[in-house]
Amino acid sequence: MEENKPSEFAEKVLMGLKVSYQKLIEKKKLTNSPIVVSRNGKIEWIKPWEEENESSE
């Protein structure tokens, strides 16, 4: 049973991250504002209404 505890914890953390991300996207869509991220050392602005299309590819 000890072996399952870390994986259960990791699953809960990942589920929480997914929920937080979805809430962030919903809020950004409502306010019509981009998400600012850093990719490969460069600052980029992602429009949440376009993000769905990119992630499904």
N, C-alpha and C. Protein backbone atom coordinates (compact mmCIF):
# COMPACT_ATOMS: atom_id res chain seq x y z
N MET A 1 0.81 -1.20 0.00
CA MET A 1 0.00 0.00 0.00
C MET A 1 0.85 1.26 0.00
N GLU A 2 2.03 1.20 0.58
CA GLU A 2 2.91 2.36 0.61
C GLU A 2 3.26 2.83 -0.81
N GLU A 3 3.36 1.90 -1.75
CA GLU A 3 3.74 2.24 -3.11
C GLU A 3 2.66 3.07 -3.80
N ASN A 4 1.40 2.90 -3.45
CA ASN A 4 0.30 3.61 -4.10
C ASN A 4 0.15 5.04 -3.61
N LYS A 5 0.60 5.36 -2.42
CA LYS A 5 0.40 6.70 -1.88
C LYS A 5 1.04 7.80 -2.73
N PRO A 6 2.29 7.69 -3.15
CA PRO A 6 2.84 8.76 -3.99
C PRO A 6 2.08 8.92 -5.31
N SER A 7 1.65 7.84 -5.92
CA SER A 7 0.94 7.96 -7.18
C SER A 7 -0.44 8.57 -6.97
N GLU A 8 -1.09 8.24 -5.85
CA GLU A 8 -2.39 8.85 -5.54
C GLU A 8 -2.22 10.35 -5.31
N PHE A 9 -1.18 10.71 -4.58
CA PHE A 9 -0.90 12.13 -4.33
C PHE A 9 -0.62 12.85 -5.64
N ALA A 10 0.20 12.24 -6.49
CA ALA A 10 0.54 12.85 -7.78
C ALA A 10 -0.71 13.02 -8.63
N GLU A 11 -1.60 12.04 -8.61
CA GLU A 11 -2.84 12.14 -9.38
C GLU A 11 -3.69 13.30 -8.88
N LYS A 12 -3.76 13.48 -7.57
CA LYS A 12 -4.54 14.58 -7.00
C LYS A 12 -3.94 15.93 -7.37
N VAL A 13 -2.62 16.02 -7.34
CA VAL A 13 -1.95 17.27 -7.71
C VAL A 13 -2.23 17.58 -9.18
N LEU A 14 -2.09 16.58 -10.05
CA LEU A 14 -2.36 16.79 -11.47
C LEU A 14 -3.81 17.19 -11.72
N MET A 15 -4.73 16.58 -11.01
CA MET A 15 -6.14 16.94 -11.16
C MET A 15 -6.36 18.39 -10.74
N GLY A 16 -5.73 18.81 -9.66
CA GLY A 16 -5.83 20.20 -9.20
C GLY A 16 -5.25 21.17 -10.21
N LEU A 17 -4.14 20.81 -10.83
CA LEU A 17 -3.53 21.66 -11.85
C LEU A 17 -4.45 21.79 -13.06
N LYS A 18 -5.08 20.70 -13.46
CA LYS A 18 -5.99 20.74 -14.60
C LYS A 18 -7.18 21.65 -14.32
N VAL A 19 -7.74 21.55 -13.12
CA VAL A 19 -8.87 22.39 -12.74
C VAL A 19 -8.45 23.86 -12.72
N SER A 20 -7.29 24.14 -12.14
CA SER A 20 -6.79 25.52 -12.08
C SER A 20 -6.57 26.08 -13.48
N TYR A 21 -6.01 25.28 -14.36
CA TYR A 21 -5.75 25.72 -15.73
C TYR A 21 -7.06 26.03 -16.45
N GLN A 22 -8.06 25.16 -16.30
CA GLN A 22 -9.35 25.40 -16.94
C GLN A 22 -10.00 26.68 -16.43
N LYS A 23 -9.90 26.92 -15.12
CA LYS A 23 -10.46 28.15 -14.56
C LYS A 23 -9.72 29.38 -15.09
N LEU A 24 -8.41 29.28 -15.24
CA LEU A 24 -7.62 30.38 -15.79
C LEU A 24 -8.06 30.68 -17.22
N ILE A 25 -8.21 29.66 -18.03
CA ILE A 25 -8.63 29.83 -19.42
C ILE A 25 -10.02 30.47 -19.48
N GLU A 26 -10.94 29.99 -18.66
CA GLU A 26 -12.29 30.56 -18.64
C GLU A 26 -12.27 32.04 -18.28
N LYS A 27 -11.47 32.39 -17.26
CA LYS A 27 -11.39 33.80 -16.85
C LYS A 27 -10.78 34.67 -17.94
N LYS A 28 -9.71 34.17 -18.57
CA LYS A 28 -9.05 34.94 -19.62
C LYS A 28 -9.98 35.13 -20.83
N LYS A 29 -10.81 34.12 -21.13
CA LYS A 29 -11.77 34.25 -22.23
C LYS A 29 -12.81 35.31 -21.89
N LEU A 30 -13.29 35.31 -20.64
CA LEU A 30 -14.30 36.29 -20.24
C LEU A 30 -13.77 37.71 -20.28
N THR A 31 -12.52 37.88 -19.91
CA THR A 31 -11.93 39.22 -19.89
C THR A 31 -11.25 39.57 -21.21
N ASN A 32 -11.25 38.61 -22.14
CA ASN A 32 -10.65 38.82 -23.46
C ASN A 32 -9.19 39.28 -23.36
N SER A 33 -8.45 38.62 -22.47
CA SER A 33 -7.05 39.00 -22.26
C SER A 33 -6.13 37.81 -22.52
N PRO A 34 -4.93 38.05 -23.02
CA PRO A 34 -3.99 36.97 -23.32
C PRO A 34 -3.32 36.41 -22.07
N ILE A 35 -2.80 35.21 -22.21
CA ILE A 35 -2.01 34.57 -21.17
C ILE A 35 -0.54 34.84 -21.51
N VAL A 36 0.21 35.32 -20.55
CA VAL A 36 1.63 35.61 -20.77
C VAL A 36 2.45 34.44 -20.23
N VAL A 37 3.28 33.85 -21.11
CA VAL A 37 4.10 32.71 -20.73
C VAL A 37 5.52 32.91 -21.23
N SER A 38 6.43 32.10 -20.73
CA SER A 38 7.81 32.11 -21.20
C SER A 38 8.08 30.76 -21.87
N ARG A 39 8.48 30.81 -23.14
CA ARG A 39 8.84 29.61 -23.88
C ARG A 39 10.24 29.79 -24.44
N ASN A 40 11.10 28.86 -24.11
CA ASN A 40 12.48 28.90 -24.60
C ASN A 40 13.16 30.23 -24.32
N GLY A 41 12.87 30.80 -23.16
CA GLY A 41 13.50 32.06 -22.77
C GLY A 41 12.89 33.30 -23.38
N LYS A 42 11.82 33.15 -24.14
CA LYS A 42 11.16 34.30 -24.77
C LYS A 42 9.77 34.47 -24.17
N ILE A 43 9.35 35.71 -23.98
CA ILE A 43 8.02 36.00 -23.46
C ILE A 43 7.04 35.98 -24.62
N GLU A 44 5.95 35.23 -24.46
CA GLU A 44 4.93 35.12 -25.50
C GLU A 44 3.56 35.39 -24.91
N TRP A 45 2.68 35.93 -25.72
CA TRP A 45 1.29 36.16 -25.34
C TRP A 45 0.43 35.18 -26.12
N ILE A 46 -0.36 34.40 -25.39
CA ILE A 46 -1.23 33.41 -26.02
C ILE A 46 -2.67 33.85 -25.80
N LYS A 47 -3.43 33.91 -26.88
CA LYS A 47 -4.84 34.23 -26.78
C LYS A 47 -5.58 32.95 -26.40
N PRO A 48 -6.33 32.95 -25.30
CA PRO A 48 -6.98 31.72 -24.84
C PRO A 48 -7.97 31.16 -25.85
N TRP A 49 -8.59 31.99 -26.66
CA TRP A 49 -9.54 31.50 -27.65
C TRP A 49 -8.82 30.81 -28.79
N GLU A 50 -7.52 31.05 -28.96
CA GLU A 50 -6.72 30.35 -29.96
C GLU A 50 -5.99 29.16 -29.35
N GLU A 51 -5.79 29.17 -28.04
CA GLU A 51 -5.06 28.13 -27.33
C GLU A 51 -5.74 26.78 -27.51
N GLU A 52 -7.05 26.73 -27.51
CA GLU A 52 -7.78 25.47 -27.67
C GLU A 52 -7.43 24.81 -28.99
N ASN A 53 -7.32 25.60 -30.05
CA ASN A 53 -7.01 25.05 -31.36
C ASN A 53 -5.59 24.49 -31.41
N GLU A 54 -4.65 25.18 -30.77
CA GLU A 54 -3.26 24.72 -30.76
C GLU A 54 -3.09 23.45 -29.97
N SER A 55 -3.76 23.32 -28.83
CA SER A 55 -3.58 22.15 -27.97
C SER A 55 -4.25 20.91 -28.55
N SER A 56 -5.25 21.07 -29.42
CA SER A 56 -5.92 19.91 -29.98
C SER A 56 -5.20 19.34 -31.19
N GLU A 57 -4.19 20.04 -31.69
CA GLU A 57 -3.44 19.56 -32.87
C GLU A 57 -2.46 18.49 -32.52
